[in-house]
């Protein structure tokens, strides 16, 4: 199965935002994710990236933590000759919920990477 890079891609912020203010993360579901949660979420993203039908989705859940989410394919298209897919990523913990969108493009070696803004 093709890998997704970078690991923290699901925070869905531009690199420049990292250097300014991360206080918003305390209110984001991902701030409470375990390694198992991240792995399960990555598997759902990988599965949806392999789909081509708009609206395709995968849910994920970790019964041990109570964390869960849904990944939905919003659309696909070409960006400078490269296949890209836009995803909606919904994440939930028992106390928090968040929704983000991200675009991933497939590299020549088959990996999916988050596209820059």
Protein backbone atom coordinates (compact mmCIF):
# COMPACT_ATOMS: atom_id res chain seq x y z
CA UNK A 1 0.00 0.00 0.00
CA UNK A 2 1.26 3.47 -0.81
CA UNK A 3 2.50 5.64 2.02
CA UNK A 4 1.39 9.13 2.94
CA UNK A 5 4.00 11.70 3.93
CA UNK A 6 4.35 13.72 6.16
CA UNK A 7 3.17 12.03 9.36
CA UNK A 8 1.49 15.08 10.83
CA UNK A 9 -0.29 15.86 7.57
CA UNK A 10 -3.66 15.68 9.29
CA UNK A 11 -3.06 18.86 11.22
CA UNK A 12 -3.76 20.51 7.88
CA UNK A 13 -1.95 23.79 8.36
CA UNK A 14 0.64 25.39 6.18
CA UNK A 15 4.28 25.14 7.29
CA UNK A 16 4.39 28.86 8.00
CA UNK A 17 1.67 28.50 10.64
CA UNK A 18 3.89 26.19 12.68
CA UNK A 19 6.28 29.00 13.53
CA UNK A 20 3.62 31.40 14.76
CA UNK A 21 1.01 29.99 17.11
CA UNK A 22 0.15 26.42 18.01
CA UNK A 23 -2.24 27.25 20.88
CA UNK A 24 -5.21 26.29 18.64
CA UNK A 25 -4.05 22.66 18.81
CA UNK A 26 -5.22 22.28 22.38
CA UNK A 27 -8.77 22.42 21.02
CA UNK A 28 -8.18 20.09 18.05
CA UNK A 29 -9.12 16.41 18.25
CA UNK A 30 -5.68 15.40 16.96
CA UNK A 31 -4.08 16.79 20.13
CA UNK A 32 -5.50 13.74 21.91
CA UNK A 33 -4.61 11.09 19.31
CA UNK A 34 -2.51 8.06 20.20
CA UNK A 35 -0.13 6.36 17.77
CA UNK A 36 -2.85 3.77 17.18
CA UNK A 37 -5.35 6.53 16.33
CA UNK A 38 -2.90 8.05 13.82
CA UNK A 39 -2.29 4.67 12.22
CA UNK A 40 -6.00 3.95 11.86
CA UNK A 41 -6.64 7.42 10.42
CA UNK A 42 -3.74 7.02 7.96
CA UNK A 43 -5.22 3.70 6.80
CA UNK A 44 -8.58 5.39 6.13
CA UNK A 45 -6.90 8.20 4.18
CA UNK A 46 -4.86 5.71 2.13
CA UNK A 47 -8.03 3.76 1.28
CA UNK A 48 -9.91 6.86 0.14
CA UNK A 49 -6.95 8.08 -1.94
CA UNK A 50 -7.17 4.82 -3.92
CA UNK A 51 -10.82 5.56 -4.79
CA UNK A 52 -11.86 7.55 -7.84
CA UNK A 53 -15.57 8.06 -7.16
CA UNK A 54 -16.47 11.39 -5.60
CA UNK A 55 -18.21 10.86 -2.26
CA UNK A 56 -16.32 7.66 -1.44
CA UNK A 57 -15.59 7.55 2.28
CA UNK A 58 -14.10 5.46 5.04
CA UNK A 59 -14.74 5.65 8.73
CA UNK A 60 -12.22 4.78 11.40
CA UNK A 61 -12.59 4.21 15.12
CA UNK A 62 -10.45 3.22 18.06
CA UNK A 63 -12.61 1.63 20.75
CA UNK A 64 -9.77 1.89 23.29
CA UNK A 65 -9.63 5.70 23.09
CA UNK A 66 -13.12 6.51 21.85
CA UNK A 67 -11.59 8.53 19.00
CA UNK A 68 -13.00 8.22 15.49
CA UNK A 69 -13.55 9.96 12.20
CA UNK A 70 -14.53 9.88 8.56
CA UNK A 71 -12.49 10.59 5.43
CA UNK A 72 -14.42 11.56 2.29
CA UNK A 73 -13.23 12.10 -1.28
CA UNK A 74 -14.49 15.51 -2.39
CA UNK A 75 -12.99 15.35 -5.88
CA UNK A 76 -10.08 14.46 -8.14
CA UNK A 77 -8.24 16.33 -10.84
CA UNK A 78 -5.01 17.13 -12.57
CA UNK A 79 -2.60 19.71 -11.20
CA UNK A 80 0.20 20.34 -13.69
CA UNK A 81 -0.17 16.81 -15.04
CA UNK A 82 -0.23 15.20 -11.59
CA UNK A 83 -3.22 13.32 -10.15
CA UNK A 84 -4.56 15.09 -7.04
CA UNK A 85 -7.45 14.32 -4.72
CA UNK A 86 -9.21 16.65 -2.27
CA UNK A 87 -10.36 15.06 0.98
CA UNK A 88 -12.60 16.10 3.83
CA UNK A 89 -11.22 14.75 7.10
CA UNK A 90 -13.51 14.67 10.12
CA UNK A 91 -12.02 13.68 13.48
CA UNK A 92 -13.71 13.19 16.84
CA UNK A 93 -12.67 12.48 20.39
CA UNK A 94 -15.13 12.02 23.24
CA UNK A 95 -14.83 15.79 23.95
CA UNK A 96 -13.80 17.43 20.65
CA UNK A 97 -14.71 17.42 16.96
CA UNK A 98 -12.99 18.95 13.95
CA UNK A 99 -13.34 19.07 10.17
CA UNK A 100 -10.61 19.96 7.67
CA UNK A 101 -9.95 19.62 3.97
CA UNK A 102 -6.67 18.78 2.31
CA UNK A 103 -5.40 18.11 -1.19
CA UNK A 104 -3.03 15.19 -1.80
CA UNK A 105 -1.10 14.66 -5.04
CA UNK A 106 0.47 11.42 -6.23
CA UNK A 107 4.21 11.46 -6.88
CA UNK A 108 5.87 9.61 -9.76
CA UNK A 109 6.83 6.81 -7.36
CA UNK A 110 3.18 6.35 -6.32
CA UNK A 111 3.28 8.05 -2.91
CA UNK A 112 0.63 10.58 -1.94
CA UNK A 113 1.81 13.87 -0.49
CA UNK A 114 -0.13 16.80 0.84
CA UNK A 115 -0.12 19.61 -1.71
CA UNK A 116 1.14 23.03 -0.72
CA UNK A 117 -1.31 25.85 -0.43
